[in-house]
Structures are given as structure tokens and as C-alpha cells.
Amino acid sequence: MRYPDLSARPHAMTVERVIEAPINLLYQAWTTRMFGRWFADPDSLTMREELNVPFFFETEFEGARHAHYGRFLRLHFPSLIEMTWVNAQGTHGEETVVTVELNKTDDGTLVRLTHAGFPDEESRDRHEAAWPLVLADLADAVLSVDP
């Protein structure tokens, strides 16, 4: 499998949040079981939980639709998801890498999200402001799931 060369795009950011949900449920939320429930437009989502298989989805933000593309680089149930992440607006069409690490805590699961490979500081800073909001949406989504 070919891993993206991020050496010319060194900008990265990391955010963390403890979510009161089981680790296995959060893993599934980042893969095919729930991704269309909390992040992607479910009608646009084409995703298989397989390494190096391209996926596509759209999101809606401020009345505009945003296409995203990627592929899974690493899948280690239930603690790690790593994927490429491409969109025209946020990554300027560059293949960035999102790594989601999941660790059990006394209060639920610590979600540590690192997004690397931004072409500039502005793109990184926008994502650093946006990802905490996305993780809040994730927390709300998994709280509404029946056990």
C-alpha cells in the first residue's frame, strides 16, 4: 500500500476529546456502520471497511455541499483508524492523513485525532478549529445510539 508523502506538507494538528461511549462503538462510527449518521450525507456515502479501497462522501456546510475522498490506510479494531482525506476546499485537493486513536478511559473513550499533511498553516488552522466541533457532533450521535 502506498502511504502519502507528506514531507513537502509539514503542517499538522491534533485534538482530543473524551466521549462517554464504548470504544467499539466509536470505532464503528469512523467506519461504515455509522459514518453516514453523524458526518457524511448518508445518500452520498460509498465506503467499505477495507484497506486502500477508495471512499467518497459529501458534507453540507453553510448551504454548500463539499465532496470528500479517501481510503483507509490502517484499521486496527477497536483502537485505530487511519485514512487519507481529500477535498477541494479544506486540503486544496492534497491527500492528507487523518489518524484516529481510541483509548478506553474511566469516563468512556479518549478520541485523539491527528490530521497531517496540510499544504499551509491557514488550512491547518481551519481544521484545528473545525475538528472539535466535529467531535462534538460525534459525541451527540453516539449518545443517541441504542445499545
C-alpha atoms as a PDB file:
ATOM      1  CA  MET A   1       0.000   0.000   0.000  1.00  0.00           C
ATOM      2  CA  ARG A   2       1.231   3.442  -0.838  1.00  0.00           C
ATOM      3  CA  TYR A   3       1.314   5.907   2.036  1.00  0.00           C
ATOM      4  CA  PRO A   4       1.069   9.603   1.053  1.00  0.00           C
ATOM      5  CA  ASP A   5       4.350  11.547   1.058  1.00  0.00           C
ATOM      6  CA  LEU A   6       3.699  14.404   3.460  1.00  0.00           C
ATOM      7  CA  SER A   7       7.284  15.681   3.586  1.00  0.00           C
ATOM      8  CA  ALA A   8       6.517  18.786   1.491  1.00  0.00           C
ATOM      9  CA  ARG A   9       3.368  19.465   3.547  1.00  0.00           C
ATOM     10  CA  PRO A  10       4.525  19.503   7.190  1.00  0.00           C
ATOM     11  CA  HIS A  11       1.548  21.234   8.801  1.00  0.00           C
ATOM     12  CA  ALA A  12      -0.416  19.065  11.243  1.00  0.00           C
ATOM     13  CA  MET A  13      -2.751  19.392  14.209  1.00  0.00           C
ATOM     14  CA  THR A  14      -4.133  17.208  16.989  1.00  0.00           C
ATOM     15  CA  VAL A  15      -7.328  17.461  19.034  1.00  0.00           C
ATOM     16  CA  GLU A  16      -8.609  15.248  21.830  1.00  0.00           C
ATOM     17  CA  ARG A  17     -11.966  14.639  23.463  1.00  0.00           C
ATOM     18  CA  VAL A  18     -13.276  12.092  25.929  1.00  0.00           C
ATOM     19  CA  ILE A  19     -16.597  10.720  24.704  1.00  0.00           C
ATOM     20  CA  GLU A  20     -18.875   8.759  27.012  1.00  0.00           C
ATOM     21  CA  ALA A  21     -19.247   5.778  24.706  1.00  0.00           C
ATOM     22  CA  PRO A  22     -17.712   2.329  24.317  1.00  0.00           C
ATOM     23  CA  ILE A  23     -14.533   2.148  22.257  1.00  0.00           C
ATOM     24  CA  ASN A  24     -16.035  -0.350  19.784  1.00  0.00           C
ATOM     25  CA  LEU A  25     -18.971   1.972  19.032  1.00  0.00           C
ATOM     26  CA  LEU A  26     -16.611   4.884  18.335  1.00  0.00           C
ATOM     27  CA  TYR A  27     -14.538   2.698  16.038  1.00  0.00           C
ATOM     28  CA  GLN A  28     -17.673   1.799  14.095  1.00  0.00           C
ATOM     29  CA  ALA A  29     -18.653   5.470  13.911  1.00  0.00           C
ATOM     30  CA  TRP A  30     -15.479   6.200  11.918  1.00  0.00           C
ATOM     31  CA  THR A  31     -16.004   3.307   9.530  1.00  0.00           C
ATOM     32  CA  THR A  32     -19.025   2.085   7.636  1.00  0.00           C
ATOM     33  CA  ARG A  33     -21.584   1.385  10.357  1.00  0.00           C
ATOM     34  CA  MET A  34     -22.304   4.958  11.452  1.00  0.00           C
ATOM     35  CA  PHE A  35     -20.271   7.398   9.351  1.00  0.00           C
ATOM     36  CA  GLY A  36     -23.342   8.427   7.366  1.00  0.00           C
ATOM     37  CA  ARG A  37     -25.235   9.042  10.578  1.00  0.00           C
ATOM     38  CA  TRP A  38     -23.014  11.717  12.105  1.00  0.00           C
ATOM     39  CA  PHE A  39     -20.616  13.077   9.484  1.00  0.00           C
ATOM     40  CA  ALA A  40     -21.422  12.282   5.876  1.00  0.00           C
ATOM     41  CA  ASP A  41     -24.612  12.736   3.908  1.00  0.00           C
ATOM     42  CA  PRO A  42     -25.803   9.112   4.049  1.00  0.00           C
ATOM     43  CA  ASP A  43     -27.131   9.240   0.481  1.00  0.00           C
ATOM     44  CA  SER A  44     -23.680  10.179  -0.823  1.00  0.00           C
ATOM     45  CA  LEU A  45     -21.600   7.722   1.201  1.00  0.00           C
ATOM     46  CA  THR A  46     -19.729   4.955  -0.599  1.00  0.00           C
ATOM     47  CA  MET A  47     -17.382   3.365   1.927  1.00  0.00           C
ATOM     48  CA  ARG A  48     -16.139  -0.135   2.651  1.00  0.00           C
ATOM     49  CA  GLU A  49     -14.109  -1.021   5.704  1.00  0.00           C
ATOM     50  CA  GLU A  50     -11.164  -2.272   3.659  1.00  0.00           C
ATOM     51  CA  LEU A  51      -7.623  -1.029   3.277  1.00  0.00           C
ATOM     52  CA  ASN A  52      -6.758   1.046   0.222  1.00  0.00           C
ATOM     53  CA  VAL A  53     -10.306   0.968  -1.207  1.00  0.00           C
ATOM     54  CA  PRO A  54     -11.392   4.481  -2.248  1.00  0.00           C
ATOM     55  CA  PHE A  55     -14.369   6.037  -0.494  1.00  0.00           C
ATOM     56  CA  PHE A  56     -16.467   9.103  -1.211  1.00  0.00           C
ATOM     57  CA  PHE A  57     -18.936  11.210   0.713  1.00  0.00           C
ATOM     58  CA  GLU A  58     -20.367  14.697   0.814  1.00  0.00           C
ATOM     59  CA  THR A  59     -20.987  17.029   3.707  1.00  0.00           C
ATOM     60  CA  GLU A  60     -23.098  20.143   3.843  1.00  0.00           C
ATOM     61  CA  PHE A  61     -21.767  23.285   5.467  1.00  0.00           C
ATOM     62  CA  GLU A  62     -23.220  26.790   5.286  1.00  0.00           C
ATOM     63  CA  GLY A  63     -25.579  25.743   2.493  1.00  0.00           C
ATOM     64  CA  ALA A  64     -22.855  24.296   0.242  1.00  0.00           C
ATOM     65  CA  ARG A  65     -22.012  20.656  -0.467  1.00  0.00           C
ATOM     66  CA  HIS A  66     -18.415  19.536  -0.074  1.00  0.00           C
ATOM     67  CA  ALA A  67     -17.072  16.364  -1.689  1.00  0.00           C
ATOM     68  CA  HIS A  68     -14.532  14.294   0.263  1.00  0.00           C
ATOM     69  CA  TYR A  69     -12.440  11.381  -0.943  1.00  0.00           C
ATOM     70  CA  GLY A  70     -10.115   8.993   0.806  1.00  0.00           C
ATOM     71  CA  ARG A  71      -9.019   5.470   1.573  1.00  0.00           C
ATOM     72  CA  PHE A  72      -8.234   3.574   4.733  1.00  0.00           C
ATOM     73  CA  LEU A  73      -4.528   3.155   5.411  1.00  0.00           C
ATOM     74  CA  ARG A  74      -4.756   1.280   8.725  1.00  0.00           C
ATOM     75  CA  LEU A  75      -7.663  -0.351  10.543  1.00  0.00           C
ATOM     76  CA  HIS A  76      -6.955  -1.900  13.955  1.00  0.00           C
ATOM     77  CA  PHE A  77     -10.209  -2.729  15.725  1.00  0.00           C
ATOM     78  CA  PRO A  78     -11.065  -1.212  18.136  1.00  0.00           C
ATOM     79  CA  SER A  79      -8.279   1.311  18.694  1.00  0.00           C
ATOM     80  CA  LEU A  80      -7.034   2.861  15.431  1.00  0.00           C
ATOM     81  CA  ILE A  81      -8.377   4.190  12.156  1.00  0.00           C
ATOM     82  CA  GLU A  82      -6.086   5.929   9.697  1.00  0.00           C
ATOM     83  CA  MET A  83      -7.335   7.301   6.404  1.00  0.00           C
ATOM     84  CA  THR A  84      -6.444   9.694   3.677  1.00  0.00           C
ATOM     85  CA  TRP A  85      -8.628  12.783   3.451  1.00  0.00           C
ATOM     86  CA  VAL A  86      -9.025  14.906   0.346  1.00  0.00           C
ATOM     87  CA  ASN A  87     -11.341  17.767  -0.511  1.00  0.00           C
ATOM     88  CA  ALA A  88     -11.062  20.828  -2.691  1.00  0.00           C
ATOM     89  CA  GLN A  89     -11.714  23.457  -0.054  1.00  0.00           C
ATOM     90  CA  GLY A  90     -10.057  22.143   3.092  1.00  0.00           C
ATOM     91  CA  THR A  91      -6.997  20.358   1.769  1.00  0.00           C
ATOM     92  CA  HIS A  92      -6.734  22.118  -1.617  1.00  0.00           C
ATOM     93  CA  GLY A  93      -7.003  18.722  -3.295  1.00  0.00           C
ATOM     94  CA  GLU A  94      -3.974  17.345  -1.441  1.00  0.00           C
ATOM     95  CA  GLU A  95      -4.110  13.880   0.094  1.00  0.00           C
ATOM     96  CA  THR A  96      -3.837  14.485   3.839  1.00  0.00           C
ATOM     97  CA  VAL A  97      -3.899  11.833   6.578  1.00  0.00           C
ATOM     98  CA  VAL A  98      -6.365  11.608   9.469  1.00  0.00           C
ATOM     99  CA  THR A  99      -5.381   9.290  12.317  1.00  0.00           C
ATOM    100  CA  VAL A 100      -7.981   8.479  14.965  1.00  0.00           C
ATOM    101  CA  GLU A 101      -6.652   6.793  18.095  1.00  0.00           C
ATOM    102  CA  LEU A 102      -9.180   5.402  20.570  1.00  0.00           C
ATOM    103  CA  ASN A 103      -8.246   4.592  24.170  1.00  0.00           C
ATOM    104  CA  LYS A 104     -10.535   3.410  26.976  1.00  0.00           C
ATOM    105  CA  THR A 105     -10.776   5.709  29.992  1.00  0.00           C
ATOM    106  CA  ASP A 106     -12.745   5.636  33.226  1.00  0.00           C
ATOM    107  CA  ASP A 107     -15.181   8.122  31.654  1.00  0.00           C
ATOM    108  CA  GLY A 108     -15.580   6.459  28.241  1.00  0.00           C
ATOM    109  CA  THR A 109     -13.135   6.692  25.363  1.00  0.00           C
ATOM    110  CA  LEU A 110     -10.406   9.213  24.648  1.00  0.00           C
ATOM    111  CA  VAL A 111     -10.546  10.154  20.965  1.00  0.00           C
ATOM    112  CA  ARG A 112      -7.233  11.566  19.734  1.00  0.00           C
ATOM    113  CA  LEU A 113      -7.452  12.875  16.186  1.00  0.00           C
ATOM    114  CA  THR A 114      -4.349  13.940  14.280  1.00  0.00           C
ATOM    115  CA  HIS A 115      -4.697  15.489  10.838  1.00  0.00           C
ATOM    116  CA  ALA A 116      -1.417  15.842   8.933  1.00  0.00           C
ATOM    117  CA  GLY A 117      -0.208  16.932   5.519  1.00  0.00           C
ATOM    118  CA  PHE A 118      -1.757  20.369   5.167  1.00  0.00           C
ATOM    119  CA  PRO A 119      -0.205  22.484   2.414  1.00  0.00           C
ATOM    120  CA  ASP A 120      -0.296  25.652   4.547  1.00  0.00           C
ATOM    121  CA  GLU A 121      -0.913  26.974   8.055  1.00  0.00           C
ATOM    122  CA  GLU A 122      -4.264  28.500   7.105  1.00  0.00           C
ATOM    123  CA  SER A 123      -5.692  25.111   6.102  1.00  0.00           C
ATOM    124  CA  ARG A 124      -4.341  23.544   9.269  1.00  0.00           C
ATOM    125  CA  ASP A 125      -5.778  26.314  11.440  1.00  0.00           C
ATOM    126  CA  ARG A 126      -9.240  25.997   9.863  1.00  0.00           C
ATOM    127  CA  HIS A 127      -9.239  22.264  10.555  1.00  0.00           C
ATOM    128  CA  GLU A 128      -7.917  22.791  14.076  1.00  0.00           C
ATOM    129  CA  ALA A 129     -10.970  24.978  14.734  1.00  0.00           C
ATOM    130  CA  ALA A 130     -13.404  22.614  12.968  1.00  0.00           C
ATOM    131  CA  TRP A 131     -12.404  19.176  14.291  1.00  0.00           C
ATOM    132  CA  PRO A 132     -13.526  19.882  17.908  1.00  0.00           C
ATOM    133  CA  LEU A 133     -16.994  20.748  16.529  1.00  0.00           C
ATOM    134  CA  VAL A 134     -16.987  17.519  14.522  1.00  0.00           C
ATOM    135  CA  LEU A 135     -16.056  15.510  17.624  1.00  0.00           C
ATOM    136  CA  ALA A 136     -18.919  17.193  19.492  1.00  0.00           C
ATOM    137  CA  ASP A 137     -21.267  16.025  16.711  1.00  0.00           C
ATOM    138  CA  LEU A 138     -19.812  12.535  17.076  1.00  0.00           C
ATOM    139  CA  ALA A 139     -20.435  12.577  20.826  1.00  0.00           C
ATOM    140  CA  ASP A 140     -24.049  13.617  20.269  1.00  0.00           C
ATOM    141  CA  ALA A 141     -24.532  10.917  17.631  1.00  0.00           C
ATOM    142  CA  VAL A 142     -23.212   8.035  19.710  1.00  0.00           C
ATOM    143  CA  LEU A 143     -25.225   9.129  22.747  1.00  0.00           C
ATOM    144  CA  SER A 144     -28.376   8.643  20.677  1.00  0.00           C
ATOM    145  CA  VAL A 145     -27.477   5.068  19.637  1.00  0.00           C
ATOM    146  CA  ASP A 146     -29.446   2.281  21.294  1.00  0.00           C
ATOM    147  CA  PRO A 147     -27.091  -0.201  22.981  1.00  0.00           C
END
